[in-house]
Amino acid sequence: MRADWTTEAPVKDRRVRRSRAALMRAAVELVSERDSTAVSVSELAEAADVSRQVLYQQFGDRDALLLEAALDLVRRELLDGLDDPPGDERASLLALTRHFAAHRRFYRALLTGTSAFAFTEALTGLFLPLNRRHLGQALGDRLGDREVEDLATFLTGGAGAVVNAWVVGGPDPLDASGFTDRLLRIRSVVTATITKEADR
C-alpha cells in the first residue's frame, strides 16, 4: 500500500489513462447503483468497455480498483479545495459534507464492504497532511513537532469516525448543512481546549 495517498502515481500512456478513468468511473457508478461493493470484475470491465485483463493489469484486483476510484473521487472533487489556506472554515467543511452526501451510496458501500479498513486508512492518509499543516501553523510555536503530529493523527481519525458514522447511519437524505454545524461545534470545543492546554 502506498504511504502517500494525496496524489495518484502519474501515468504517461494516454490509453492507460483512459482505461483507468473508465474503470474508476464504472466502479463509482455500479457501486452507487447497487449501494454495495458486490460488483464483479466482469461487470466492472464490461461497464468500462475494457477486458478483465486490463483491470487486473492496472489495479491488481477489484478491491484495489474500488479503493483507487474512491480516492480519485476525493482528490478530484474535494481535496484541492480543502488545501487552501485556512479562511472560511464553514465553507470548507460544507464542501466536505456536501461531497460525502452527494456520493453517499458509493462511500457507504465502501465503508461497510470488504475494503472498509483500507478505505478508512487511505482517507486518513489524504486528510492527515492537511490537518498536520493547519495545526502546525496554528500551534507550531506552542507545541513540538511530535505533539503536532500526534494531535493531527488523533483529530483526523476522530473526525473520520464521526463522518463515517454519519455517511453510514445518518438519516436519508443526509443534511450536509446541519452536519457541518455539528462539526463546527465539535471543532470549536476542541480548538478551545487545545489552545488552553498549549498556553499552560
C-alpha atoms as a PDB file:
ATOM      1  CA  MET A   1       0.000   0.000   0.000  1.00  0.00           C
ATOM      2  CA  ARG A   2       1.332   3.471  -0.853  1.00  0.00           C
ATOM      3  CA  ALA A   3       2.150   5.703   2.092  1.00  0.00           C
ATOM      4  CA  ASP A   4       1.259   8.938   0.261  1.00  0.00           C
ATOM      5  CA  TRP A   5      -2.394   8.868  -0.766  1.00  0.00           C
ATOM      6  CA  THR A   6      -2.605  12.569  -1.638  1.00  0.00           C
ATOM      7  CA  THR A   7      -1.505  12.095  -5.238  1.00  0.00           C
ATOM      8  CA  GLU A   8      -2.008   9.304  -7.695  1.00  0.00           C
ATOM      9  CA  ALA A   9       1.088   7.897  -9.384  1.00  0.00           C
ATOM     10  CA  PRO A  10       1.394   9.593 -12.805  1.00  0.00           C
ATOM     11  CA  VAL A  11       0.508   7.517 -15.871  1.00  0.00           C
ATOM     12  CA  LYS A  12       2.082   8.622 -19.130  1.00  0.00           C
ATOM     13  CA  ASP A  13       0.357   6.385 -21.663  1.00  0.00           C
ATOM     14  CA  ARG A  14      -2.857   8.045 -22.868  1.00  0.00           C
ATOM     15  CA  ARG A  15      -4.630   4.717 -23.456  1.00  0.00           C
ATOM     16  CA  VAL A  16      -3.810   3.570 -19.932  1.00  0.00           C
ATOM     17  CA  ARG A  17      -5.096   6.864 -18.503  1.00  0.00           C
ATOM     18  CA  ARG A  18      -8.342   6.499 -20.479  1.00  0.00           C
ATOM     19  CA  SER A  19      -8.925   2.890 -19.425  1.00  0.00           C
ATOM     20  CA  ARG A  20      -8.070   3.673 -15.776  1.00  0.00           C
ATOM     21  CA  ALA A  21     -10.507   6.600 -15.803  1.00  0.00           C
ATOM     22  CA  ALA A  22     -13.199   4.441 -17.426  1.00  0.00           C
ATOM     23  CA  LEU A  23     -12.728   1.687 -14.835  1.00  0.00           C
ATOM     24  CA  MET A  24     -12.842   4.114 -11.921  1.00  0.00           C
ATOM     25  CA  ARG A  25     -15.950   5.813 -13.337  1.00  0.00           C
ATOM     26  CA  ALA A  26     -17.597   2.403 -13.820  1.00  0.00           C
ATOM     27  CA  ALA A  27     -16.723   1.434 -10.232  1.00  0.00           C
ATOM     28  CA  VAL A  28     -18.338   4.571  -8.795  1.00  0.00           C
ATOM     29  CA  GLU A  29     -21.443   4.172 -10.965  1.00  0.00           C
ATOM     30  CA  LEU A  30     -22.011   0.444 -10.377  1.00  0.00           C
ATOM     31  CA  VAL A  31     -21.327   0.523  -6.635  1.00  0.00           C
ATOM     32  CA  SER A  32     -23.559   3.593  -6.247  1.00  0.00           C
ATOM     33  CA  GLU A  33     -26.390   1.975  -8.230  1.00  0.00           C
ATOM     34  CA  ARG A  34     -26.287  -1.153  -6.075  1.00  0.00           C
ATOM     35  CA  ASP A  35     -25.371   0.529  -2.786  1.00  0.00           C
ATOM     36  CA  SER A  36     -22.983  -2.398  -2.441  1.00  0.00           C
ATOM     37  CA  THR A  37     -19.447  -3.416  -3.367  1.00  0.00           C
ATOM     38  CA  ALA A  38     -20.809  -6.742  -4.626  1.00  0.00           C
ATOM     39  CA  VAL A  39     -19.801  -5.956  -8.197  1.00  0.00           C
ATOM     40  CA  SER A  40     -17.802  -8.480 -10.179  1.00  0.00           C
ATOM     41  CA  VAL A  41     -14.635  -7.878 -12.154  1.00  0.00           C
ATOM     42  CA  SER A  42     -16.522  -8.861 -15.309  1.00  0.00           C
ATOM     43  CA  GLU A  43     -19.254  -6.297 -14.658  1.00  0.00           C
ATOM     44  CA  LEU A  44     -16.714  -3.553 -13.992  1.00  0.00           C
ATOM     45  CA  ALA A  45     -14.709  -4.390 -17.108  1.00  0.00           C
ATOM     46  CA  GLU A  46     -17.829  -4.547 -19.262  1.00  0.00           C
ATOM     47  CA  ALA A  47     -19.144  -1.212 -17.951  1.00  0.00           C
ATOM     48  CA  ALA A  48     -15.755   0.385 -18.695  1.00  0.00           C
ATOM     49  CA  ASP A  49     -15.562  -1.313 -22.120  1.00  0.00           C
ATOM     50  CA  VAL A  50     -12.222  -2.947 -21.335  1.00  0.00           C
ATOM     51  CA  SER A  51     -11.120  -6.519 -20.758  1.00  0.00           C
ATOM     52  CA  ARG A  52     -10.809  -8.160 -17.361  1.00  0.00           C
ATOM     53  CA  GLN A  53      -7.107  -8.446 -18.090  1.00  0.00           C
ATOM     54  CA  VAL A  54      -6.816  -4.646 -18.348  1.00  0.00           C
ATOM     55  CA  LEU A  55      -8.448  -4.281 -14.932  1.00  0.00           C
ATOM     56  CA  TYR A  56      -6.010  -6.774 -13.399  1.00  0.00           C
ATOM     57  CA  GLN A  57      -3.018  -5.177 -15.125  1.00  0.00           C
ATOM     58  CA  GLN A  58      -3.876  -1.676 -13.985  1.00  0.00           C
ATOM     59  CA  PHE A  59      -5.258  -2.279 -10.497  1.00  0.00           C
ATOM     60  CA  GLY A  60      -4.325  -5.805  -9.461  1.00  0.00           C
ATOM     61  CA  ASP A  61      -7.798  -6.708  -8.227  1.00  0.00           C
ATOM     62  CA  ARG A  62     -11.330  -5.427  -7.769  1.00  0.00           C
ATOM     63  CA  ASP A  63     -10.849  -4.072  -4.246  1.00  0.00           C
ATOM     64  CA  ALA A  64      -7.796  -2.052  -5.322  1.00  0.00           C
ATOM     65  CA  LEU A  65      -9.889  -0.581  -8.151  1.00  0.00           C
ATOM     66  CA  LEU A  66     -12.692   0.369  -5.741  1.00  0.00           C
ATOM     67  CA  LEU A  67     -10.205   1.994  -3.380  1.00  0.00           C
ATOM     68  CA  GLU A  68      -8.495   3.950  -6.172  1.00  0.00           C
ATOM     69  CA  ALA A  69     -11.879   5.035  -7.553  1.00  0.00           C
ATOM     70  CA  ALA A  70     -12.824   6.449  -4.147  1.00  0.00           C
ATOM     71  CA  LEU A  71      -9.506   8.219  -3.691  1.00  0.00           C
ATOM     72  CA  ASP A  72      -9.659   9.625  -7.213  1.00  0.00           C
ATOM     73  CA  LEU A  73     -13.140  10.983  -6.495  1.00  0.00           C
ATOM     74  CA  VAL A  74     -11.965  12.643  -3.271  1.00  0.00           C
ATOM     75  CA  ARG A  75      -8.853  14.083  -4.947  1.00  0.00           C
ATOM     76  CA  ARG A  76     -10.729  15.458  -7.972  1.00  0.00           C
ATOM     77  CA  GLU A  77     -13.811  16.840  -6.281  1.00  0.00           C
ATOM     78  CA  LEU A  78     -12.725  17.694  -2.781  1.00  0.00           C
ATOM     79  CA  LEU A  79      -9.076  17.677  -1.798  1.00  0.00           C
ATOM     80  CA  ASP A  80      -7.831  20.600  -3.879  1.00  0.00           C
ATOM     81  CA  GLY A  81     -10.434  22.979  -2.449  1.00  0.00           C
ATOM     82  CA  LEU A  82      -9.679  21.923   1.123  1.00  0.00           C
ATOM     83  CA  ASP A  83      -5.964  22.500   0.658  1.00  0.00           C
ATOM     84  CA  ASP A  84      -6.413  26.268   0.587  1.00  0.00           C
ATOM     85  CA  PRO A  85      -5.053  28.303   3.487  1.00  0.00           C
ATOM     86  CA  PRO A  86      -7.441  28.429   6.453  1.00  0.00           C
ATOM     87  CA  GLY A  87     -10.133  31.016   5.938  1.00  0.00           C
ATOM     88  CA  ASP A  88     -13.809  30.275   5.743  1.00  0.00           C
ATOM     89  CA  GLU A  89     -13.853  27.068   7.764  1.00  0.00           C
ATOM     90  CA  ARG A  90     -17.597  26.603   7.360  1.00  0.00           C
ATOM     91  CA  ALA A  91     -17.294  26.743   3.565  1.00  0.00           C
ATOM     92  CA  SER A  92     -14.521  24.125   3.635  1.00  0.00           C
ATOM     93  CA  LEU A  93     -16.453  21.812   5.948  1.00  0.00           C
ATOM     94  CA  LEU A  94     -19.651  22.343   3.958  1.00  0.00           C
ATOM     95  CA  ALA A  95     -17.804  21.341   0.771  1.00  0.00           C
ATOM     96  CA  LEU A  96     -16.652  18.180   2.541  1.00  0.00           C
ATOM     97  CA  THR A  97     -20.090  17.243   3.893  1.00  0.00           C
ATOM     98  CA  ARG A  98     -21.821  18.012   0.588  1.00  0.00           C
ATOM     99  CA  HIS A  99     -19.306  15.818  -1.240  1.00  0.00           C
ATOM    100  CA  PHE A 100     -19.895  12.846   1.070  1.00  0.00           C
ATOM    101  CA  ALA A 101     -23.670  13.392   0.991  1.00  0.00           C
ATOM    102  CA  ALA A 102     -23.701  13.556  -2.826  1.00  0.00           C
ATOM    103  CA  HIS A 103     -21.761  10.290  -3.093  1.00  0.00           C
ATOM    104  CA  ARG A 104     -23.256   8.630  -0.043  1.00  0.00           C
ATOM    105  CA  ARG A 105     -24.294   5.375  -1.711  1.00  0.00           C
ATOM    106  CA  PHE A 106     -20.783   4.823  -3.040  1.00  0.00           C
ATOM    107  CA  TYR A 107     -18.970   5.715   0.186  1.00  0.00           C
ATOM    108  CA  ARG A 108     -21.445   3.836   2.383  1.00  0.00           C
ATOM    109  CA  ALA A 109     -20.867   0.713   0.315  1.00  0.00           C
ATOM    110  CA  LEU A 110     -17.106   1.044   0.732  1.00  0.00           C
ATOM    111  CA  LEU A 111     -17.369   1.756   4.459  1.00  0.00           C
ATOM    112  CA  THR A 112     -19.476  -1.373   5.007  1.00  0.00           C
ATOM    113  CA  GLY A 113     -17.732  -3.659   2.492  1.00  0.00           C
ATOM    114  CA  THR A 114     -14.566  -5.728   2.487  1.00  0.00           C
ATOM    115  CA  SER A 115     -12.435  -2.659   1.705  1.00  0.00           C
ATOM    116  CA  ALA A 116     -13.627  -0.661   4.729  1.00  0.00           C
ATOM    117  CA  PHE A 117     -10.357  -0.763   6.674  1.00  0.00           C
ATOM    118  CA  ALA A 118      -8.198   0.047   3.648  1.00  0.00           C
ATOM    119  CA  PHE A 119     -10.555   2.844   2.613  1.00  0.00           C
ATOM    120  CA  THR A 120     -10.607   4.406   6.097  1.00  0.00           C
ATOM    121  CA  GLU A 121      -6.819   4.178   6.314  1.00  0.00           C
ATOM    122  CA  ALA A 122      -6.441   5.784   2.883  1.00  0.00           C
ATOM    123  CA  LEU A 123      -8.845   8.621   3.753  1.00  0.00           C
ATOM    124  CA  THR A 124      -6.831   9.266   6.900  1.00  0.00           C
ATOM    125  CA  GLY A 125      -3.734   9.400   4.704  1.00  0.00           C
ATOM    126  CA  LEU A 126      -5.415  12.005   2.495  1.00  0.00           C
ATOM    127  CA  PHE A 127      -6.589  14.299   5.282  1.00  0.00           C
ATOM    128  CA  LEU A 128      -3.725  13.922   7.760  1.00  0.00           C
ATOM    129  CA  PRO A 129      -1.289  16.206   5.863  1.00  0.00           C
ATOM    130  CA  LEU A 130      -3.926  18.975   5.770  1.00  0.00           C
ATOM    131  CA  ASN A 131      -4.616  18.722   9.488  1.00  0.00           C
ATOM    132  CA  ARG A 132      -0.900  18.496  10.264  1.00  0.00           C
ATOM    133  CA  ARG A 133      -0.213  21.660   8.274  1.00  0.00           C
ATOM    134  CA  HIS A 134      -3.123  23.616   9.794  1.00  0.00           C
ATOM    135  CA  LEU A 135      -2.220  22.577  13.341  1.00  0.00           C
ATOM    136  CA  GLY A 136       1.432  23.349  12.708  1.00  0.00           C
ATOM    137  CA  GLN A 137       0.502  26.837  11.524  1.00  0.00           C
ATOM    138  CA  ALA A 138      -1.872  27.428  14.431  1.00  0.00           C
ATOM    139  CA  LEU A 139       0.095  25.809  17.265  1.00  0.00           C
ATOM    140  CA  GLY A 140       3.599  25.182  15.946  1.00  0.00           C
ATOM    141  CA  ASP A 141       5.127  27.798  18.222  1.00  0.00           C
ATOM    142  CA  ARG A 142       3.412  26.285  21.290  1.00  0.00           C
ATOM    143  CA  LEU A 143       3.794  22.568  20.563  1.00  0.00           C
ATOM    144  CA  GLY A 144       6.661  20.425  19.377  1.00  0.00           C
ATOM    145  CA  ASP A 145       6.644  18.538  16.080  1.00  0.00           C
ATOM    146  CA  ARG A 146       5.805  15.225  17.804  1.00  0.00           C
ATOM    147  CA  GLU A 147       2.844  16.764  19.634  1.00  0.00           C
ATOM    148  CA  VAL A 148       1.540  18.374  16.428  1.00  0.00           C
ATOM    149  CA  GLU A 149       1.864  15.018  14.630  1.00  0.00           C
ATOM    150  CA  ASP A 150       0.089  13.112  17.413  1.00  0.00           C
ATOM    151  CA  LEU A 151      -2.669  15.707  17.649  1.00  0.00           C
ATOM    152  CA  ALA A 152      -3.179  15.766  13.869  1.00  0.00           C
ATOM    153  CA  THR A 153      -3.408  11.959  13.791  1.00  0.00           C
ATOM    154  CA  PHE A 154      -5.848  11.909  16.712  1.00  0.00           C
ATOM    155  CA  LEU A 155      -8.092  14.611  15.257  1.00  0.00           C
ATOM    156  CA  THR A 156      -8.021  13.146  11.732  1.00  0.00           C
ATOM    157  CA  GLY A 157      -9.007   9.711  12.995  1.00  0.00           C
ATOM    158  CA  GLY A 158     -11.723  11.073  15.274  1.00  0.00           C
ATOM    159  CA  ALA A 159     -13.205  13.339  12.609  1.00  0.00           C
ATOM    160  CA  GLY A 160     -13.077  10.458  10.149  1.00  0.00           C
ATOM    161  CA  ALA A 161     -15.003   8.227  12.546  1.00  0.00           C
ATOM    162  CA  VAL A 162     -17.707  10.897  13.016  1.00  0.00           C
ATOM    163  CA  VAL A 163     -18.045  11.470   9.251  1.00  0.00           C
ATOM    164  CA  ASN A 164     -18.080   7.726   8.532  1.00  0.00           C
ATOM    165  CA  ALA A 165     -20.824   7.139  11.109  1.00  0.00           C
ATOM    166  CA  TRP A 166     -22.878   9.941   9.534  1.00  0.00           C
ATOM    167  CA  VAL A 167     -22.418   8.573   5.991  1.00  0.00           C
ATOM    168  CA  VAL A 168     -23.287   5.009   7.019  1.00  0.00           C
ATOM    169  CA  GLY A 169     -26.037   5.588   9.585  1.00  0.00           C
ATOM    170  CA  GLY A 170     -27.320   9.136   9.127  1.00  0.00           C
ATOM    171  CA  PRO A 171     -30.961   9.732   8.144  1.00  0.00           C
ATOM    172  CA  ASP A 172     -31.909   9.868   4.462  1.00  0.00           C
ATOM    173  CA  PRO A 173     -31.319  12.315   2.910  1.00  0.00           C
ATOM    174  CA  LEU A 174     -28.144  13.451   4.639  1.00  0.00           C
ATOM    175  CA  ASP A 175     -28.327  17.053   5.874  1.00  0.00           C
ATOM    176  CA  ALA A 176     -24.923  18.456   4.868  1.00  0.00           C
ATOM    177  CA  SER A 177     -25.576  21.904   6.334  1.00  0.00           C
ATOM    178  CA  GLY A 178     -26.771  20.585   9.700  1.00  0.00           C
ATOM    179  CA  PHE A 179     -23.870  18.162   9.918  1.00  0.00           C
ATOM    180  CA  THR A 180     -21.440  20.970   9.060  1.00  0.00           C
ATOM    181  CA  ASP A 181     -22.793  22.927  12.024  1.00  0.00           C
ATOM    182  CA  ARG A 182     -22.260  19.862  14.259  1.00  0.00           C
ATOM    183  CA  LEU A 183     -18.647  19.588  13.059  1.00  0.00           C
ATOM    184  CA  LEU A 184     -18.059  23.286  13.686  1.00  0.00           C
ATOM    185  CA  ARG A 185     -19.345  22.958  17.259  1.00  0.00           C
ATOM    186  CA  ILE A 186     -17.032  19.995  17.867  1.00  0.00           C
ATOM    187  CA  ARG A 187     -14.153  21.871  16.285  1.00  0.00           C
ATOM    188  CA  SER A 188     -14.687  24.980  18.443  1.00  0.00           C
ATOM    189  CA  VAL A 189     -14.648  22.903  21.647  1.00  0.00           C
ATOM    190  CA  VAL A 190     -11.531  21.012  20.565  1.00  0.00           C
ATOM    191  CA  THR A 191      -9.764  24.200  19.440  1.00  0.00           C
ATOM    192  CA  ALA A 192     -10.547  25.994  22.709  1.00  0.00           C
ATOM    193  CA  THR A 193      -9.302  23.012  24.732  1.00  0.00           C
ATOM    194  CA  ILE A 194      -6.110  22.622  22.711  1.00  0.00           C
ATOM    195  CA  THR A 195      -5.347  26.340  22.876  1.00  0.00           C
ATOM    196  CA  LYS A 196      -5.938  26.403  26.641  1.00  0.00           C
ATOM    197  CA  GLU A 197      -3.679  23.394  27.195  1.00  0.00           C
ATOM    198  CA  ALA A 198      -0.971  24.707  24.864  1.00  0.00           C
ATOM    199  CA  ASP A 199      -0.902  28.031  26.749  1.00  0.00           C
ATOM    200  CA  ARG A 200      -0.258  26.335  30.124  1.00  0.00           C
END
